C-alpha cells in the first residue's frame, strides 16, 4: 500500500495527465462538483465553503466514502478523515459539516488567519468505484475587519410615535454571530434566521423605540462586535415635532424713544410657518416672524410670541425689552435711626439701565469727597446737614432730594420755657427731642401732677401748655422724657393780682345789689301803711263815681301787683324773710282805702 505522500504524488501526476489528456466527456460529465469560486471569511471567525458533488453511480449504491480537502499549491491536507493526515496549521480548525453519503462536501474552517488566504480543492475516494479530484478551485479570502451593519428605519418619524428599526449584520459564520447593541433606548429583538447574500449571510436585529425631538438629525447606531472587532452602522433620524425653545430675540439694547425689531426664534421640524405676538394684556397685530416696536420706553410691556407648524404650536416666555435710560428715583437710604455721636452709613439708591457706575455726595452747602454708592458719616448730631446723592450711568445723571438724617437725642428743654399770668396762669414748656417727648407737670414737692392743656409739635420741637385759673402754686416742674433720655426744668409762676381784684369787685357788686333790694322792699311796704286810713273817706263818695273808681282801682291794683312781683322775683329768700311786709294781710277796709287813694290820685 502506497504511503500518503506517494499517493498524493500519484494523484498529482494523474491530475496532470488528466488535465493534459482532457478527461473524456463521458467521464467528465459524471464526476462533477458544485462549489463557489471564492469565499470570504472574517479573521478570528469562521467560514463555510458550500460544496456538493456527483459521481457515476450507474445505479449502484456506495456507502464508504473518503473525502479530502487540500491546498492547491502544495497539496497539504486541510481536511482528512484521518486526523493525523491533516496539516498542523488546520488541525482542530477544519471540519466537515456535510455528509458524503448525501453528496454534500461542505467544509467549515474556524479561527481564520491571514495565512489562510489559499486556494483549495476537493477529492473524493469511493470504495469499490474510483477516486477523483475535482478541478473546481475555491479561493479562500480572509478579511481583517467585518463589513458595517446596515440600519434601516422610516425616512420621516414623528415625535412621540413608536417606530421599529432593523440592523442587518453580514457574517461568514452562522454559528459564530456577533454581539449587537443599539445607541437608543428601546425594546431590542433578534437575531432573525440568517439569509444568504452572495458569499455572506445576513442576520437581522430589530429595535422598537419612541423618537423625540432630541433625536432629530441624530444617528441611530447599530454596533456589531465580532470578538473584539467592532463595526457600527447608523441611520440619521428625521423626526417631526412642534415648535420648542420659542423665544423673543431683541438684538442689542436701545435707548428710550428709539425703535427696535423683535424676532421670534424657535426650534421645530418642519420650521414654523406662522407666528403670533402678544403683550402682557393684549394680542398684537403682527403675524410674521418679526415685529417692530416704535418709541420704546422703560415702561414698555414685556412681549411674547407663538410659533406654529404642522405638528403644533408653542409660546415663548414674556421678554422684557432692554431699554437704556438714565438714573431715576434717586434717593438716599439711611437705614435705622442712630443716636447722636454714632456713625451712620448712607446708600444711594436709583433705578437705571445700565446700573449706575459712579456717584456723588453733597451736603446742603458743599460737595463731599465720597464717590461710591455708600457714604459713612462719623459722630452724627441733630445739627448734621441734610445729605443728597447723584447717580451717574452711560445715559445720564440724576440727583436725590436732600435727606434729613433721623438722629435720636434726649429731650432738650429750651430756656424760652416760662409761665405768664393774665386772666389765668399759663405755663409753656418747649422741648426739642427725637423721638418726641412726653411731658408731665409736678408741683414743687411732686405731690400733685397736672395735665397739659394742649400740645403742639413743629418738626422736632414740641410745645406743651399748662393753663390753670385758681390754686396754682408758686413754682411748677416740667419733666420731659423719651426713649433716649429725660430732662426737667422748674418754672416760676407769677401771682395773679387780677384774679384778686375780680374777687373783691364781685363782693362789692353783691353788697350793692342786696342794698337796692332792701330799699325797694321797704319803700313798697311804707306805701301800704299810708293807704289804709284813706279807705274810710271813700265810703262817702257817690255811687256815680263807682264805675270810674273801679277803673282807677283796677289800674292801681295792677301797678301795685307789678311792684310786689318785682320784689319777690329779684330778692333772695333771706332778704324776703328779713325785710317783708306785715305778716297779716290787709283788711277789706284797708283795701277800700287804698282804692280811694288810687282813685283820687
Protein backbone atom coordinates (compact mmCIF):
# COMPACT_ATOMS: atom_id res chain seq x y z
CA UNK A 1 0.00 0.00 0.00
CA UNK A 2 1.39 3.39 -1.00
CA UNK A 3 2.15 5.96 1.58
CA UNK A 4 0.10 9.16 1.67
CA UNK A 5 2.89 11.21 0.10
CA UNK A 6 3.38 8.68 -2.64
CA UNK A 7 -0.36 8.60 -3.10
CA UNK A 8 -0.56 12.36 -3.32
CA UNK A 9 2.29 12.36 -5.82
CA UNK A 10 0.42 9.76 -7.75
CA UNK A 11 -2.75 11.81 -7.73
CA UNK A 12 -0.87 14.91 -8.79
CA UNK A 13 0.58 13.11 -11.71
CA UNK A 14 -2.76 11.62 -12.55
CA UNK A 15 -4.41 15.02 -12.32
CA UNK A 16 -1.75 16.47 -14.58
CA UNK A 17 -2.19 13.69 -17.08
CA UNK A 18 -5.94 14.07 -16.98
CA UNK A 19 -5.71 17.78 -17.49
CA UNK A 20 -3.30 17.24 -20.33
CA UNK A 21 -5.27 14.48 -21.96
CA UNK A 22 -8.58 16.14 -21.06
CA UNK A 23 -10.97 13.71 -19.40
CA UNK A 24 -13.29 12.04 -21.80
CA UNK A 25 -16.72 13.74 -21.97
CA UNK A 26 -18.46 10.71 -20.56
CA UNK A 27 -16.27 10.53 -17.52
CA UNK A 28 -16.08 14.28 -17.05
CA UNK A 29 -19.84 14.52 -17.18
CA UNK A 30 -20.33 12.12 -14.35
CA UNK A 31 -17.67 13.39 -11.93
CA UNK A 32 -18.85 16.93 -11.07
CA UNK A 33 -18.71 19.29 -8.09
CA UNK A 34 -20.67 22.45 -7.29
CA UNK A 35 -18.84 25.00 -5.14
CA UNK A 36 -18.10 28.75 -5.26
CA UNK A 37 -15.01 30.09 -6.89
CA UNK A 38 -14.21 32.11 -3.75
CA UNK A 39 -15.36 32.61 -0.16
CA UNK A 40 -14.60 35.42 2.27
CA UNK A 41 -14.22 34.98 5.97
CA UNK A 42 -13.53 37.30 8.87
CA UNK A 43 -10.27 36.99 10.68
CA UNK A 44 -10.90 35.31 14.02
CA UNK A 45 -14.26 34.00 12.90
CA UNK A 46 -15.14 31.03 10.74
CA UNK A 47 -16.08 30.43 7.14
CA UNK A 48 -18.16 27.74 5.44
CA UNK A 49 -17.38 26.56 1.95
CA UNK A 50 -20.62 25.14 0.50
CA UNK A 51 -19.96 22.08 -1.65
CA UNK A 52 -21.91 19.30 -3.40
CA UNK A 53 -20.53 16.62 -5.70
CA UNK A 54 -21.65 13.87 -8.08
CA UNK A 55 -20.17 10.60 -9.32
CA UNK A 56 -21.12 7.89 -11.85
CA UNK A 57 -23.09 5.50 -9.66
CA UNK A 58 -24.56 3.57 -12.59
CA UNK A 59 -27.48 2.55 -10.43
CA UNK A 60 -25.32 1.16 -7.66
CA UNK A 61 -25.22 2.25 -4.02
CA UNK A 62 -21.96 3.14 -2.37
CA UNK A 63 -21.60 3.71 1.33
CA UNK A 64 -17.90 4.01 2.02
CA UNK A 65 -16.56 7.46 1.11
CA UNK A 66 -13.37 9.30 1.93
CA UNK A 67 -13.21 12.98 1.16
CA UNK A 68 -10.11 15.17 1.21
CA UNK A 69 -9.72 18.99 1.08
CA UNK A 70 -6.22 20.19 0.27
CA UNK A 71 -4.24 23.21 -0.79
CA UNK A 72 -3.61 23.60 -4.47
CA UNK A 73 -0.05 24.87 -4.31
CA UNK A 74 1.43 22.18 -2.01
CA UNK A 75 -1.35 19.58 -1.70
CA UNK A 76 -1.13 19.78 2.11
CA UNK A 77 -4.31 18.41 3.57
CA UNK A 78 -6.76 20.84 5.11
CA UNK A 79 -9.28 18.14 5.98
CA UNK A 80 -8.95 14.35 6.11
CA UNK A 81 -10.92 11.73 7.94
CA UNK A 82 -7.62 10.57 9.36
CA UNK A 83 -6.73 13.35 11.81
CA UNK A 84 -3.05 12.59 11.52
CA UNK A 85 -3.16 13.37 7.83
CA UNK A 86 -4.28 16.97 8.43
CA UNK A 87 -1.67 19.68 8.21
CA UNK A 88 -0.76 21.14 11.59
CA UNK A 89 -1.97 24.61 10.67
CA UNK A 90 -5.52 23.33 10.11
CA UNK A 91 -5.79 20.77 12.89
CA UNK A 92 -8.76 21.45 15.15
CA UNK A 93 -9.85 24.27 12.81
CA UNK A 94 -11.24 22.45 9.75
CA UNK A 95 -14.30 20.23 9.99
CA UNK A 96 -16.72 18.60 7.58
CA UNK A 97 -20.26 19.85 8.03
CA UNK A 98 -21.64 17.97 5.02
CA UNK A 99 -22.42 14.25 4.55
CA UNK A 100 -20.64 12.42 1.74
CA UNK A 101 -23.44 9.91 1.54
CA UNK A 102 -25.73 12.84 0.75
CA UNK A 103 -23.16 14.12 -1.76
CA UNK A 104 -22.52 17.12 0.49
CA UNK A 105 -18.89 18.09 0.90
CA UNK A 106 -19.28 21.47 2.70
CA UNK A 107 -16.27 22.48 4.83
CA UNK A 108 -16.02 24.77 7.86
CA UNK A 109 -12.77 26.50 8.85
CA UNK A 110 -12.71 28.25 12.22
CA UNK A 111 -10.42 30.89 13.76
CA UNK A 112 -9.41 32.24 10.39
CA UNK A 113 -5.97 33.75 9.96
CA UNK A 114 -4.34 35.87 7.32
CA UNK A 115 -2.25 32.83 6.32
CA UNK A 116 -5.46 31.09 5.31
CA UNK A 117 -5.61 33.08 2.08
CA UNK A 118 -5.16 29.99 -0.16
CA UNK A 119 -6.81 28.05 -2.97
CA UNK A 120 -8.46 24.74 -2.05
CA UNK A 121 -9.61 21.70 -4.00
CA UNK A 122 -11.74 18.68 -3.13
CA UNK A 123 -11.05 14.97 -3.83
CA UNK A 124 -13.39 12.04 -3.23
CA UNK A 125 -12.48 8.37 -2.86
CA UNK A 126 -15.35 5.88 -3.20
CA UNK A 127 -14.73 2.29 -2.20
CA UNK A 128 -15.39 -0.23 -4.99
CA UNK A 129 -15.71 2.60 -7.51
CA UNK A 130 -12.93 5.08 -8.01
CA UNK A 131 -11.01 8.08 -6.76
CA UNK A 132 -11.46 11.52 -8.24
CA UNK A 133 -10.05 15.04 -7.72
CA UNK A 134 -12.48 17.70 -8.91
CA UNK A 135 -10.86 20.53 -10.79
CA UNK A 136 -13.03 23.23 -9.12
CA UNK A 137 -10.83 25.60 -7.15
CA UNK A 138 -12.07 27.67 -4.23
CA UNK A 139 -10.20 30.85 -3.33
CA UNK A 140 -10.33 31.49 0.45
CA UNK A 141 -10.01 35.17 1.42
CA UNK A 142 -9.61 36.36 4.99
CA UNK A 143 -10.63 39.95 5.92
CA UNK A 144 -9.36 41.73 8.97
CA UNK A 145 -12.49 43.90 9.54
CA UNK A 146 -16.13 42.95 9.07
CA UNK A 147 -18.50 44.96 6.95
CA UNK A 148 -20.59 47.69 8.59
CA UNK A 149 -24.12 46.72 9.60
CA UNK A 150 -26.93 48.15 7.50
CA UNK A 151 -29.54 50.16 9.50
CA UNK A 152 -32.99 50.82 8.08
CA UNK A 153 -35.82 52.91 9.52
CA UNK A 154 -38.64 55.10 8.23
CA UNK A 155 -37.39 58.18 6.44
CA UNK A 156 -39.58 60.57 8.47
CA UNK A 157 -40.55 59.93 12.06
CA UNK A 158 -42.99 61.75 14.35
CA UNK A 159 -42.06 62.76 17.86
CA UNK A 160 -43.86 60.55 20.38
CA UNK A 161 -44.93 57.94 17.81
CA UNK A 162 -43.46 54.42 18.22
CA UNK A 163 -41.36 53.02 15.36
CA UNK A 164 -39.20 49.95 14.56
CA UNK A 165 -35.64 49.93 13.14
CA UNK A 166 -33.71 47.00 11.63
CA UNK A 167 -29.97 46.28 11.73
CA UNK A 168 -28.72 43.73 9.17
CA UNK A 169 -25.31 42.23 10.05
CA UNK A 170 -23.28 40.35 7.42
CA UNK A 171 -21.11 37.46 8.54
CA UNK A 172 -19.46 34.32 7.22
CA UNK A 173 -20.18 32.02 10.11
CA UNK A 174 -23.79 31.47 11.24
CA UNK A 175 -22.59 29.60 14.30
CA UNK A 176 -20.46 32.49 15.49
CA UNK A 177 -22.78 35.53 15.42
CA UNK A 178 -21.63 38.92 16.73
CA UNK A 179 -23.00 40.78 19.76
CA UNK A 180 -25.26 43.61 18.57
CA UNK A 181 -26.09 46.78 20.57
CA UNK A 182 -28.17 49.90 19.83
CA UNK A 183 -27.45 53.54 20.69
CA UNK A 184 -31.10 54.32 21.51
CA UNK A 185 -33.25 53.17 24.38
CA UNK A 186 -36.00 50.78 23.33
CA UNK A 187 -37.01 47.13 23.07
CA UNK A 188 -34.46 45.10 21.06
CA UNK A 189 -35.24 41.76 19.42
CA UNK A 190 -33.41 39.20 17.22
CA UNK A 191 -31.45 37.69 15.71
CA UNK A 192 -33.60 36.56 12.84
CA UNK A 193 -32.72 33.43 10.81
CA UNK A 194 -29.72 34.15 8.52
CA UNK A 195 -30.32 34.88 4.87
CA UNK A 196 -27.86 34.26 2.06
CA UNK A 197 -26.45 37.32 0.41
CA UNK A 198 -23.84 36.24 -2.06
CA UNK A 199 -20.85 34.81 -0.19
CA UNK A 200 -22.12 36.35 3.05
CA UNK A 201 -25.06 35.69 5.26
CA UNK A 202 -27.23 38.41 6.79
CA UNK A 203 -28.78 38.27 10.23
CA UNK A 204 -31.26 40.96 11.26
CA UNK A 205 -31.79 42.60 14.64
CA UNK A 206 -34.75 44.88 15.47
CA UNK A 207 -35.29 47.81 17.87
CA UNK A 208 -38.68 49.26 18.78
CA UNK A 209 -38.44 52.79 20.21
CA UNK A 210 -40.26 56.11 20.53
CA UNK A 211 -38.40 59.05 18.96
CA UNK A 212 -38.42 62.56 20.43
CA UNK A 213 -37.45 65.97 19.11
CA UNK A 214 -33.99 65.50 20.60
CA UNK A 215 -33.48 62.59 18.16
CA UNK A 216 -33.87 64.80 15.10
CA UNK A 217 -30.72 64.78 12.95
CA UNK A 218 -29.02 62.34 15.31
CA UNK A 219 -27.63 58.93 14.41
CA UNK A 220 -29.31 55.70 15.31
CA UNK A 221 -26.27 53.41 15.71
CA UNK A 222 -26.15 49.63 15.47
CA UNK A 223 -22.85 48.15 16.67
CA UNK A 224 -21.73 44.56 15.97
CA UNK A 225 -18.88 43.09 18.00
CA UNK A 226 -17.09 40.18 16.33
CA UNK A 227 -14.91 39.01 19.23
CA UNK A 228 -13.18 42.33 19.66
CA UNK A 229 -13.60 43.54 16.10
CA UNK A 230 -16.31 46.19 16.27
CA UNK A 231 -18.15 47.78 13.38
CA UNK A 232 -21.02 50.30 13.54
CA UNK A 233 -23.73 51.12 11.09
CA UNK A 234 -26.06 54.10 11.51
CA UNK A 235 -29.06 55.91 10.15
CA UNK A 236 -29.66 59.64 10.61
CA UNK A 237 -33.13 60.13 12.05
CA UNK A 238 -35.53 62.73 10.72
CA UNK A 239 -38.12 63.50 13.40
CA UNK A 240 -41.06 65.88 13.03
CA UNK A 241 -42.01 67.84 16.16
CA UNK A 242 -43.87 71.05 17.11
CA UNK A 243 -42.01 74.30 17.93
CA UNK A 244 -39.94 74.31 21.09
CA UNK A 245 -37.43 76.68 22.70
CA UNK A 246 -39.53 79.56 21.44
CA UNK A 247 -38.04 82.92 22.45
CA UNK A 248 -38.09 86.59 21.53
CA UNK A 249 -34.75 87.83 20.20
CA UNK A 250 -34.27 91.58 20.58
CA UNK A 251 -30.73 92.28 19.45
CA UNK A 252 -28.63 94.99 21.15
CA UNK A 253 -30.20 97.32 23.77
CA UNK A 254 -31.85 100.54 22.59
CA UNK A 255 -32.33 103.94 24.15
CA UNK A 256 -35.70 105.32 25.15
CA UNK A 257 -37.85 106.65 22.28
CA UNK A 258 -35.93 104.61 19.72
CA UNK A 259 -37.38 101.78 17.61
CA UNK A 260 -36.50 98.09 17.92
CA UNK A 261 -37.19 94.99 15.80
CA UNK A 262 -38.08 91.75 17.61
CA UNK A 263 -37.63 88.27 16.10
CA UNK A 264 -39.47 85.10 17.12
CA UNK A 265 -36.98 82.22 17.24
CA UNK A 266 -37.96 78.55 17.61
CA UNK A 267 -36.72 75.01 17.08
CA UNK A 268 -39.11 72.83 15.09
CA UNK A 269 -39.34 70.33 12.23
CA UNK A 270 -40.70 71.36 9.86
CA UNK A 271 -39.85 75.03 10.52
CA UNK A 272 -42.60 77.27 11.88
CA UNK A 273 -44.73 78.78 9.12
CA UNK A 274 -46.78 81.31 11.12
CA UNK A 275 -46.42 83.42 14.25
CA UNK A 276 -48.47 85.39 16.77
CA UNK A 277 -47.32 88.27 19.01
CA UNK A 278 -48.62 89.31 22.43
CA UNK A 279 -48.02 91.94 25.06
CA UNK A 280 -48.94 91.23 28.68
CA UNK A 281 -52.60 92.14 28.23
CA UNK A 282 -53.42 92.04 24.53
CA UNK A 283 -52.82 90.44 21.15
CA UNK A 284 -50.69 92.43 18.71
CA UNK A 285 -51.45 92.73 15.03
CA UNK A 286 -48.13 91.32 13.78
CA UNK A 287 -48.22 87.85 12.19
CA UNK A 288 -44.71 87.39 10.80
CA UNK A 289 -41.55 86.13 12.43
CA UNK A 290 -40.52 89.74 13.25
CA UNK A 291 -42.26 92.67 14.94
CA UNK A 292 -41.21 96.33 15.19
CA UNK A 293 -41.77 98.45 18.30
CA UNK A 294 -41.69 102.23 17.85
CA UNK A 295 -40.56 104.64 20.60
CA UNK A 296 -39.83 102.12 23.31
CA UNK A 297 -39.51 103.23 26.92
CA UNK A 298 -38.58 101.77 30.25
CA UNK A 299 -42.31 101.15 30.79
CA UNK A 300 -42.82 99.15 27.58
CA UNK A 301 -44.56 95.89 28.46
CA UNK A 302 -42.89 92.51 28.06
CA UNK A 303 -43.51 90.87 24.66
CA UNK A 304 -44.06 87.17 23.84
CA UNK A 305 -44.57 85.27 20.59
CA UNK A 306 -46.12 81.97 19.48
CA UNK A 307 -44.59 79.79 16.73
CA UNK A 308 -46.81 77.40 14.73
CA UNK A 309 -46.05 74.50 12.34
CA UNK A 310 -47.89 71.41 11.05
CA UNK A 311 -47.15 69.49 14.25
CA UNK A 312 -48.41 72.07 16.77
CA UNK A 313 -47.67 75.41 18.43
CA UNK A 314 -45.74 76.76 21.39
CA UNK A 315 -45.15 80.15 23.03
CA UNK A 316 -42.17 81.98 24.44
CA UNK A 317 -41.86 83.45 27.91
CA UNK A 318 -42.61 87.19 28.11
CA UNK A 319 -39.46 89.08 27.14
CA UNK A 320 -38.71 92.44 28.74
CA UNK A 321 -37.15 94.86 26.26
CA UNK A 322 -33.68 96.03 27.27
CA UNK A 323 -34.20 99.80 27.17
CA UNK A 324 -31.39 102.12 28.24
CA UNK A 325 -32.27 105.16 30.40
CA UNK A 326 -30.52 107.47 32.90
CA UNK A 327 -30.93 107.14 36.67
CA UNK A 328 -34.33 107.96 38.15
CA UNK A 329 -35.98 107.61 41.57
CA UNK A 330 -32.64 108.51 43.14
CA UNK A 331 -32.82 108.59 46.92
CA UNK A 332 -30.64 108.41 50.00
CA UNK A 333 -31.30 105.31 52.10
CA UNK A 334 -30.25 105.73 55.71
CA UNK A 335 -31.30 102.56 57.45
CA UNK A 336 -32.50 102.59 61.08
CA UNK A 337 -32.10 105.76 63.20
CA UNK A 338 -28.90 106.25 65.22
CA UNK A 339 -28.09 108.18 68.34
CA UNK A 340 -26.01 111.29 68.45
CA UNK A 341 -22.22 110.79 68.16
CA UNK A 342 -22.67 107.40 66.48
CA UNK A 343 -21.69 106.53 62.90
CA UNK A 344 -24.19 106.18 60.05
CA UNK A 345 -23.80 104.60 56.60
CA UNK A 346 -25.82 106.10 53.76
CA UNK A 347 -26.61 104.34 50.47
CA UNK A 348 -27.50 105.95 47.17
CA UNK A 349 -30.36 104.02 45.55
CA UNK A 350 -31.53 104.54 41.95
CA UNK A 351 -33.37 102.91 39.06
CA UNK A 352 -31.38 102.94 35.80
CA UNK A 353 -30.28 100.82 32.86
CA UNK A 354 -27.43 100.14 32.81
CA UNK A 355 -26.95 100.38 36.57
CA UNK A 356 -25.26 103.50 37.89
CA UNK A 357 -21.48 103.24 37.75
CA UNK A 358 -20.47 106.32 39.79
CA UNK A 359 -21.95 108.54 42.48
CA UNK A 360 -21.51 111.98 44.01
CA UNK A 361 -22.49 113.10 47.52
CA UNK A 362 -23.48 116.57 48.73
CA UNK A 363 -24.46 118.29 51.93
CA UNK A 364 -26.58 121.45 51.78
CA UNK A 365 -23.62 123.74 51.21
CA UNK A 366 -20.78 121.64 49.86
CA UNK A 367 -19.66 118.65 47.86
CA UNK A 368 -18.44 115.63 49.80
CA UNK A 369 -15.41 113.54 48.94
CA UNK A 370 -17.23 110.21 48.69
CA UNK A 371 -17.63 108.72 45.19
CA UNK A 372 -19.07 105.25 45.83
CA UNK A 373 -22.64 104.12 46.24
CA UNK A 374 -22.30 104.39 50.05
CA UNK A 375 -21.04 107.14 52.35
CA UNK A 376 -20.23 106.93 56.05
CA UNK A 377 -20.85 109.81 58.45
CA UNK A 378 -18.94 109.87 61.74
CA UNK A 379 -20.21 111.37 65.01
CA UNK A 380 -23.57 112.47 63.66
CA UNK A 381 -25.64 115.02 65.55
CA UNK A 382 -29.02 116.68 65.39
CA UNK A 383 -27.38 119.56 63.56
CA UNK A 384 -25.90 117.44 60.73
CA UNK A 385 -26.93 118.87 57.38
CA UNK A 386 -29.30 117.07 55.04
CA UNK A 387 -27.45 114.83 52.55
CA UNK A 388 -28.18 114.21 48.85
CA UNK A 389 -26.54 111.99 46.22
CA UNK A 390 -26.22 111.94 42.43
CA UNK A 391 -26.26 108.65 40.45
CA UNK A 392 -24.50 108.51 37.06
CA UNK A 393 -24.56 105.95 34.22
CA UNK A 394 -23.76 105.99 30.50
CA UNK A 395 -27.14 107.57 29.71
CA UNK A 396 -27.02 110.50 32.12
CA UNK A 397 -27.22 111.56 35.76
CA UNK A 398 -29.86 112.45 38.33
CA UNK A 399 -29.91 113.60 41.96
CA UNK A 400 -31.96 112.78 45.03
CA UNK A 401 -33.80 115.23 47.26
CA UNK A 402 -31.85 116.29 50.38
CA UNK A 403 -32.29 113.69 53.08
CA UNK A 404 -32.58 114.89 56.67
CA UNK A 405 -30.96 112.31 58.90
CA UNK A 406 -33.03 110.70 61.62
CA UNK A 407 -30.81 111.29 64.66
CA UNK A 408 -32.05 110.25 68.09
CA UNK A 409 -31.30 112.54 71.06
CA UNK A 410 -32.73 113.11 74.55
CA UNK A 411 -35.07 116.00 75.47
CA UNK A 412 -33.59 119.49 75.44
CA UNK A 413 -35.88 121.93 77.29
CA UNK A 414 -35.44 125.40 75.84
CA UNK A 415 -34.77 128.47 78.00
CA UNK A 416 -37.74 130.15 76.39
CA UNK A 417 -39.99 127.91 78.52
CA UNK A 418 -41.87 130.15 81.04
CA UNK A 419 -45.11 130.94 82.90
CA UNK A 420 -47.27 134.04 82.48
CA UNK A 421 -50.35 135.32 84.30
CA UNK A 422 -53.32 137.22 82.88
CA UNK A 423 -56.86 136.07 83.41
CA UNK A 424 -55.25 132.69 84.17
CA UNK A 425 -51.78 131.28 84.73
CA UNK A 426 -50.29 129.78 81.54
CA UNK A 427 -47.01 127.82 81.51
CA UNK A 428 -45.35 126.71 78.27
CA UNK A 429 -42.60 124.02 78.26
CA UNK A 430 -40.67 123.95 74.95
CA UNK A 431 -38.88 120.62 74.30
CA UNK A 432 -36.56 119.72 71.42
CA UNK A 433 -36.11 115.90 71.10
CA UNK A 434 -36.20 112.90 68.75
CA UNK A 435 -38.30 110.88 69.14
CA UNK A 436 -40.91 113.33 70.51
CA UNK A 437 -41.08 113.54 74.30
CA UNK A 438 -43.80 113.01 76.82
CA UNK A 439 -44.21 115.79 79.43
CA UNK A 440 -45.51 115.66 82.98
CA UNK A 441 -46.13 118.68 85.25
CA UNK A 442 -45.44 118.48 89.01
CA UNK A 443 -45.98 120.77 91.99
CA UNK A 444 -42.81 121.83 93.87
CA UNK A 445 -42.96 118.87 96.24
CA UNK A 446 -44.13 116.49 93.46
CA UNK A 447 -47.24 115.71 95.44
CA UNK A 448 -49.53 116.98 92.76
CA UNK A 449 -49.47 116.44 88.99
CA UNK A 450 -51.04 118.46 86.22
CA UNK A 451 -52.03 117.54 82.68
CA UNK A 452 -51.04 119.64 79.71
CA UNK A 453 -53.93 121.65 78.35
CA UNK A 454 -52.70 121.35 74.78
CA UNK A 455 -49.68 120.14 72.80
CA UNK A 456 -48.27 121.46 69.54
CA UNK A 457 -45.46 119.78 67.58
CA UNK A 458 -43.35 121.55 64.97
CA UNK A 459 -40.74 119.20 63.48
CA UNK A 460 -38.57 118.16 66.44
CA UNK A 461 -39.85 120.87 68.83
CA UNK A 462 -42.90 120.26 70.99
CA UNK A 463 -44.83 122.98 72.87
CA UNK A 464 -46.61 121.74 76.00
CA UNK A 465 -49.05 124.26 77.54
CA UNK A 466 -50.43 124.14 81.10
CA UNK A 467 -53.26 126.61 81.95
CA UNK A 468 -54.71 126.96 85.49
CA UNK A 469 -57.28 129.52 86.71
CA UNK A 470 -57.06 129.23 90.53
CA UNK A 471 -54.98 127.34 93.04
CA UNK A 472 -51.72 127.49 91.07
CA UNK A 473 -48.52 127.02 93.12
CA UNK A 474 -45.62 129.48 93.09
CA UNK A 475 -43.47 127.14 91.00
CA UNK A 476 -44.15 124.18 88.69
CA UNK A 477 -41.81 121.49 87.32
CA UNK A 478 -41.83 120.38 83.65
CA UNK A 479 -40.44 116.83 83.24
CA UNK A 480 -39.79 115.61 79.63
CA UNK A 481 -38.67 112.08 78.62
CA UNK A 482 -38.27 109.87 75.52
CA UNK A 483 -36.56 106.55 74.66
CA UNK A 484 -33.13 108.20 74.68
CA UNK A 485 -33.24 110.14 77.97
CA UNK A 486 -35.05 112.74 80.10
CA UNK A 487 -34.77 116.35 81.30
CA UNK A 488 -36.66 118.72 83.62
CA UNK A 489 -36.99 122.43 84.40
CA UNK A 490 -38.65 124.38 87.24
CA UNK A 491 -40.72 127.34 86.12
CA UNK A 492 -41.77 130.22 88.42
CA UNK A 493 -45.47 131.03 88.29
CA UNK A 494 -46.15 134.82 88.95
CA UNK A 495 -49.01 135.73 91.38
CA UNK A 496 -52.19 136.59 89.55
CA UNK A 497 -53.36 140.05 91.06
CA UNK A 498 -56.15 140.42 88.57
CA UNK A 499 -57.89 137.39 89.99
CA UNK A 500 -57.93 139.03 93.47
CA UNK A 501 -59.29 142.27 92.08
CA UNK A 502 -62.06 140.42 90.32
CA UNK A 503 -62.98 138.66 93.57
CA UNK A 504 -63.16 141.95 95.54
CA UNK A 505 -65.16 143.66 92.81
CA UNK A 506 -67.57 140.74 92.76
CA UNK A 507 -68.15 141.05 96.52
CA UNK A 508 -68.84 144.80 96.24
CA UNK A 509 -71.34 144.24 93.47
CA UNK A 510 -73.16 141.67 95.58
CA UNK A 511 -73.46 144.10 98.53
CA UNK A 512 -74.79 146.89 96.31
CA UNK A 513 -77.42 144.64 94.79
CA UNK A 514 -78.53 143.48 98.23
CA UNK A 515 -78.86 147.10 99.42
CA UNK A 516 -81.01 148.06 96.46
CA UNK A 517 -83.29 145.13 97.08
CA UNK A 518 -83.73 146.08 100.74
CA UNK A 519 -84.55 149.68 99.86
CA UNK A 520 -87.10 148.66 97.28
CA UNK A 521 -88.89 146.28 99.62
CA UNK A 522 -89.12 148.77 102.47
CA UNK A 523 -90.47 151.51 100.21
CA UNK A 524 -93.23 149.29 98.92
CA UNK A 525 -94.27 148.34 102.46
CA UNK A 526 -94.40 152.04 103.52
CA UNK A 527 -96.86 152.96 100.77
CA UNK A 528 -99.30 150.36 102.01
CA UNK A 529 -99.27 151.87 105.52
CA UNK A 530 -100.29 155.33 104.18
CA UNK A 531 -103.12 153.91 102.08
CA UNK A 532 -105.04 152.22 104.94
CA UNK A 533 -106.70 155.49 106.61
CA UNK A 534 -107.74 156.87 103.28
CA UNK A 535 -110.07 153.94 102.75
CA UNK A 536 -112.72 155.43 105.18
CA UNK A 537 -113.16 158.56 103.06
CA UNK A 538 -114.15 156.52 100.13
CA UNK A 539 -117.47 155.43 101.82
CA UNK A 540 -118.95 158.95 101.34
CA UNK A 541 -118.35 159.13 97.66
CA UNK A 542 -121.35 158.80 95.44
CA UNK A 543 -122.14 155.73 93.52
CA UNK A 544 -121.88 157.80 90.37
CA UNK A 545 -118.11 157.54 90.58
CA UNK A 546 -118.27 153.80 91.13
CA UNK A 547 -117.54 152.97 87.56
CA UNK A 548 -114.66 155.44 87.28
CA UNK A 549 -113.40 154.49 90.68
CA UNK A 550 -113.49 150.86 89.72
CA UNK A 551 -111.42 151.55 86.60
CA UNK A 552 -108.89 153.56 88.58
CA UNK A 553 -108.75 150.86 91.24
CA UNK A 554 -108.15 148.21 88.65
CA UNK A 555 -105.31 150.18 87.15
CA UNK A 556 -103.72 150.87 90.52
CA UNK A 557 -104.03 147.30 91.67
CA UNK A 558 -102.21 146.16 88.53
CA UNK A 559 -99.43 148.62 89.20
CA UNK A 560 -99.19 147.52 92.86
CA UNK A 561 -99.17 143.93 91.83
CA UNK A 562 -96.25 144.57 89.45
CA UNK A 563 -94.35 146.15 92.25
CA UNK A 564 -94.89 143.17 94.52
CA UNK A 565 -93.94 140.68 91.82
CA UNK A 566 -90.72 142.56 91.15
CA UNK A 567 -89.78 142.41 94.80
CA UNK A 568 -90.49 138.70 95.03
CA UNK A 569 -88.64 137.98 91.84
CA UNK A 570 -85.43 139.96 92.42
CA UNK A 571 -84.97 139.46 96.16
CA UNK A 572 -83.30 136.39 97.56
CA UNK A 573 -85.11 134.31 100.16
CA UNK A 574 -83.16 135.68 103.11
CA UNK A 575 -83.95 139.24 102.01
CA UNK A 576 -87.59 138.43 101.63
CA UNK A 577 -87.89 136.82 105.09
CA UNK A 578 -85.99 139.60 106.87
CA UNK A 579 -87.49 142.63 105.17
CA UNK A 580 -91.00 141.58 104.10
CA UNK A 581 -94.34 143.36 104.75
CA UNK A 582 -96.61 142.68 107.73
CA UNK A 583 -97.47 139.11 108.36
CA UNK A 584 -101.21 139.78 108.43
CA UNK A 585 -102.80 140.69 105.15
CA UNK A 586 -104.69 143.96 104.96
CA UNK A 587 -108.45 144.02 105.81
CA UNK A 588 -111.14 144.74 103.30
CA UNK A 589 -111.39 148.26 104.73
CA UNK A 590 -107.79 148.95 104.13
CA UNK A 591 -108.19 147.64 100.64
CA UNK A 592 -111.04 150.07 100.05
CA UNK A 593 -108.92 152.90 101.45
CA UNK A 594 -106.12 152.05 99.06
CA UNK A 595 -108.57 152.10 96.22
CA UNK A 596 -109.81 155.55 97.25
CA UNK A 597 -106.31 156.91 97.35
CA UNK A 598 -105.55 155.46 93.93
CA UNK A 599 -108.84 156.88 92.61
CA UNK A 600 -108.06 160.46 93.86
CA UNK A 601 -104.51 160.40 92.81
